[in-house]
C-alpha atoms as a PDB file:
ATOM      1  CA  MET A   1       7.156  13.214   6.569  1.00  0.00           C
ATOM      2  CA  SER A   2       7.795  14.469  10.078  1.00  0.00           C
ATOM      3  CA  GLU A   3       8.267  11.758  12.669  1.00  0.00           C
ATOM      4  CA  SER A   4       6.013  13.408  15.284  1.00  0.00           C
ATOM      5  CA  ASN A   5       2.835  13.323  13.131  1.00  0.00           C
ATOM      6  CA  VAL A   6       3.098   9.671  12.067  1.00  0.00           C
ATOM      7  CA  LEU A   7       0.013   7.762  13.212  1.00  0.00           C
ATOM      8  CA  ALA A   8       1.075   4.300  12.061  1.00  0.00           C
ATOM      9  CA  ARG A   9       3.633   2.534   9.897  1.00  0.00           C
ATOM     10  CA  ALA A  10       3.579  -0.898   8.296  1.00  0.00           C
ATOM     11  CA  THR A  11       5.187  -3.034   5.620  1.00  0.00           C
ATOM     12  CA  GLY A  12       3.282  -4.405   2.660  1.00  0.00           C
ATOM     13  CA  ARG A  13       4.445  -7.076   0.220  1.00  0.00           C
ATOM     14  CA  ARG A  14       3.313  -8.567  -3.064  1.00  0.00           C
ATOM     15  CA  LYS A  15       5.381 -11.058  -5.068  1.00  0.00           C
ATOM     16  CA  VAL A  16       8.923  -9.622  -4.913  1.00  0.00           C
ATOM     17  CA  ALA A  17       7.930  -5.994  -4.167  1.00  0.00           C
ATOM     18  CA  ALA A  18       8.091  -4.598  -0.623  1.00  0.00           C
ATOM     19  CA  ALA A  19       6.725  -1.243   0.536  1.00  0.00           C
ATOM     20  CA  ARG A  20       7.159   0.681   3.771  1.00  0.00           C
ATOM     21  CA  VAL A  21       4.109   2.856   4.394  1.00  0.00           C
ATOM     22  CA  TRP A  22       3.466   5.716   6.861  1.00  0.00           C
ATOM     23  CA  ILE A  23       0.196   7.580   7.458  1.00  0.00           C
ATOM     24  CA  GLN A  24      -0.402  10.939   9.106  1.00  0.00           C
ATOM     25  CA  PRO A  25      -3.380  13.312   9.323  1.00  0.00           C
ATOM     26  CA  GLY A  26      -3.759  15.315   6.131  1.00  0.00           C
ATOM     27  CA  ASN A  27      -5.812  15.943   3.029  1.00  0.00           C
ATOM     28  CA  GLY A  28      -5.389  12.783   0.947  1.00  0.00           C
ATOM     29  CA  ARG A  29      -1.930  13.290  -0.561  1.00  0.00           C
ATOM     30  CA  ILE A  30      -0.157  10.039  -1.482  1.00  0.00           C
ATOM     31  CA  LEU A  31       3.600  10.005  -2.105  1.00  0.00           C
ATOM     32  CA  VAL A  32       5.416   6.959  -3.466  1.00  0.00           C
ATOM     33  CA  ASN A  33       9.222   7.219  -3.447  1.00  0.00           C
ATOM     34  CA  GLN A  34       8.892  11.021  -2.975  1.00  0.00           C
ATOM     35  CA  ARG A  35       6.697  11.404  -6.083  1.00  0.00           C
ATOM     36  CA  GLU A  36       2.946  11.886  -6.367  1.00  0.00           C
ATOM     37  CA  VAL A  37       1.058   8.616  -6.857  1.00  0.00           C
ATOM     38  CA  ASN A  38      -0.222   9.734 -10.306  1.00  0.00           C
ATOM     39  CA  GLU A  39       3.327  10.530 -11.357  1.00  0.00           C
ATOM     40  CA  TYR A  40       4.827   7.264 -10.060  1.00  0.00           C
ATOM     41  CA  PHE A  41       2.139   4.865 -11.288  1.00  0.00           C
ATOM     42  CA  HIS A  42       1.268   5.844 -14.849  1.00  0.00           C
ATOM     43  CA  ARG A  43      -1.819   3.626 -15.174  1.00  0.00           C
ATOM     44  CA  SER A  44      -5.049   4.808 -13.555  1.00  0.00           C
ATOM     45  CA  ASN A  45      -6.012   1.302 -12.391  1.00  0.00           C
ATOM     46  CA  LEU A  46      -2.818   1.152 -10.282  1.00  0.00           C
ATOM     47  CA  VAL A  47      -3.630   4.516  -8.672  1.00  0.00           C
ATOM     48  CA  THR A  48      -7.124   3.204  -7.904  1.00  0.00           C
ATOM     49  CA  MET A  49      -5.575   0.031  -6.444  1.00  0.00           C
ATOM     50  CA  VAL A  50      -3.373   2.063  -4.093  1.00  0.00           C
ATOM     51  CA  GLN A  51      -6.336   4.172  -2.891  1.00  0.00           C
ATOM     52  CA  GLU A  52      -8.641   1.175  -2.329  1.00  0.00           C
ATOM     53  CA  PRO A  53      -8.066   0.777   1.466  1.00  0.00           C
ATOM     54  CA  LEU A  54      -8.984   4.440   2.011  1.00  0.00           C
ATOM     55  CA  ARG A  55     -12.120   4.055  -0.115  1.00  0.00           C
ATOM     56  CA  VAL A  56     -13.258   0.973   1.826  1.00  0.00           C
ATOM     57  CA  ILE A  57     -13.266   2.901   5.124  1.00  0.00           C
ATOM     58  CA  GLU A  58     -14.466   6.139   3.422  1.00  0.00           C
ATOM     59  CA  GLN A  59     -11.469   8.200   4.608  1.00  0.00           C
ATOM     60  CA  VAL A  60      -9.957   9.236   1.249  1.00  0.00           C
ATOM     61  CA  ASP A  61      -9.306  12.880   2.226  1.00  0.00           C
ATOM     62  CA  GLN A  62      -8.343  12.294   5.867  1.00  0.00           C
ATOM     63  CA  PHE A  63      -4.787  10.928   5.674  1.00  0.00           C
ATOM     64  CA  ASP A  64      -1.519  11.724   3.933  1.00  0.00           C
ATOM     65  CA  VAL A  65       0.328   8.586   2.885  1.00  0.00           C
ATOM     66  CA  CYS A  66       4.063   8.229   2.323  1.00  0.00           C
ATOM     67  CA  ALA A  67       5.492   5.006   0.905  1.00  0.00           C
ATOM     68  CA  THR A  68       8.884   3.762  -0.178  1.00  0.00           C
ATOM     69  CA  VAL A  69       8.768   0.729  -2.431  1.00  0.00           C
ATOM     70  CA  ARG A  70      11.460  -1.545  -3.906  1.00  0.00           C
ATOM     71  CA  GLY A  71      11.578  -4.583  -6.121  1.00  0.00           C
ATOM     72  CA  GLY A  72       9.149  -6.097  -8.575  1.00  0.00           C
ATOM     73  CA  GLY A  73       7.277  -4.382 -11.357  1.00  0.00           C
ATOM     74  CA  GLU A  74       4.655  -1.660 -11.407  1.00  0.00           C
ATOM     75  CA  THR A  75       1.695  -3.895 -10.543  1.00  0.00           C
ATOM     76  CA  GLY A  76       3.583  -5.678  -7.767  1.00  0.00           C
ATOM     77  CA  GLN A  77       4.673  -2.355  -6.288  1.00  0.00           C
ATOM     78  CA  ALA A  78       1.127  -0.979  -6.359  1.00  0.00           C
ATOM     79  CA  GLY A  79      -0.113  -4.137  -4.632  1.00  0.00           C
ATOM     80  CA  ALA A  80       2.606  -3.842  -2.002  1.00  0.00           C
ATOM     81  CA  VAL A  81       1.671  -0.215  -1.261  1.00  0.00           C
ATOM     82  CA  ARG A  82      -2.021  -1.207  -1.028  1.00  0.00           C
ATOM     83  CA  HIS A  83      -1.190  -4.032   1.393  1.00  0.00           C
ATOM     84  CA  GLY A  84       0.998  -1.760   3.533  1.00  0.00           C
ATOM     85  CA  LEU A  85      -1.634   0.987   3.606  1.00  0.00           C
ATOM     86  CA  ALA A  86      -4.336  -1.502   4.635  1.00  0.00           C
ATOM     87  CA  ARG A  87      -2.122  -2.782   7.461  1.00  0.00           C
ATOM     88  CA  CYS A  88      -1.358   0.803   8.569  1.00  0.00           C
ATOM     89  CA  LEU A  89      -5.033   1.725   8.739  1.00  0.00           C
ATOM     90  CA  SER A  90      -5.972  -1.423  10.656  1.00  0.00           C
ATOM     91  CA  LEU A  91      -3.169  -0.735  13.169  1.00  0.00           C
ATOM     92  CA  HIS A  92      -4.257   2.877  13.602  1.00  0.00           C
ATOM     93  CA  ASN A  93      -7.942   2.066  14.200  1.00  0.00           C
ATOM     94  CA  PRO A  94      -8.832  -1.555  15.069  1.00  0.00           C
ATOM     95  CA  GLU A  95     -12.494  -0.913  14.149  1.00  0.00           C
ATOM     96  CA  TRP A  96     -11.460  -0.530  10.503  1.00  0.00           C
ATOM     97  CA  ARG A  97      -9.839  -3.973  10.469  1.00  0.00           C
ATOM     98  CA  THR A  98     -13.118  -5.817   9.794  1.00  0.00           C
ATOM     99  CA  PRO A  99     -14.183  -3.914   6.636  1.00  0.00           C
ATOM    100  CA  ILE A 100     -10.611  -3.902   5.325  1.00  0.00           C
ATOM    101  CA  LYS A 101     -10.272  -7.647   5.916  1.00  0.00           C
ATOM    102  CA  ARG A 102     -13.674  -8.345   4.298  1.00  0.00           C
ATOM    103  CA  ALA A 103     -12.472  -6.496   1.195  1.00  0.00           C
ATOM    104  CA  GLY A 104      -9.466  -8.873   1.085  1.00  0.00           C
ATOM    105  CA  LEU A 105      -6.871  -6.139   1.485  1.00  0.00           C
ATOM    106  CA  LEU A 106      -4.949  -7.656   4.408  1.00  0.00           C
ATOM    107  CA  THR A 107      -4.066 -10.842   2.531  1.00  0.00           C
ATOM    108  CA  ARG A 108      -0.565 -10.919   1.105  1.00  0.00           C
ATOM    109  CA  ASP A 109      -0.269 -12.167  -2.477  1.00  0.00           C
ATOM    110  CA  PRO A 110       2.378 -14.899  -2.079  1.00  0.00           C
ATOM    111  CA  ARG A 111       2.783 -15.786  -5.763  1.00  0.00           C
ATOM    112  CA  VAL A 112       6.392 -15.605  -6.897  1.00  0.00           C
ATOM    113  CA  LYS A 113       7.981 -16.666 -10.153  1.00  0.00           C
ATOM    114  CA  GLU A 114       8.966 -20.319  -9.998  1.00  0.00           C
ATOM    115  CA  ARG A 115      12.680 -21.045 -10.110  1.00  0.00           C
ATOM    116  CA  LYS A 116      14.312 -22.575 -13.164  1.00  0.00           C
ATOM    117  CA  LYS A 117      15.107 -26.288 -12.922  1.00  0.00           C
ATOM    118  CA  TYR A 118      18.108 -27.625 -14.757  1.00  0.00           C
ATOM    119  CA  GLY A 119      17.529 -30.419 -17.262  1.00  0.00           C
ATOM    120  CA  ARG A 120      13.953 -29.386 -18.041  1.00  0.00           C
END
């Protein structure tokens, strides 16, 4: 992704997973760790989850998305990309913040596995 075309960048998190997300004008291509979203996330519900912020604002074919994600499992990573994409879109156009927030996409999922306690 060329640095000059980047419209916004943001970080999304869910559980242990963290994603860095960039958006630029384009035709709806989504790359996750340099692979197509369908190739990276093998389950269709995870692909749908990642695309949800674009569907809420009805801009599915308007932006190219690039994300790098680390940590967690598949579902946590998809949630982190969704959170990062929602934050990117709300930074790029403040008018989109309200519908994105109403859909609950700007809220970080803070649940993390509880630590082990000795003697229990």
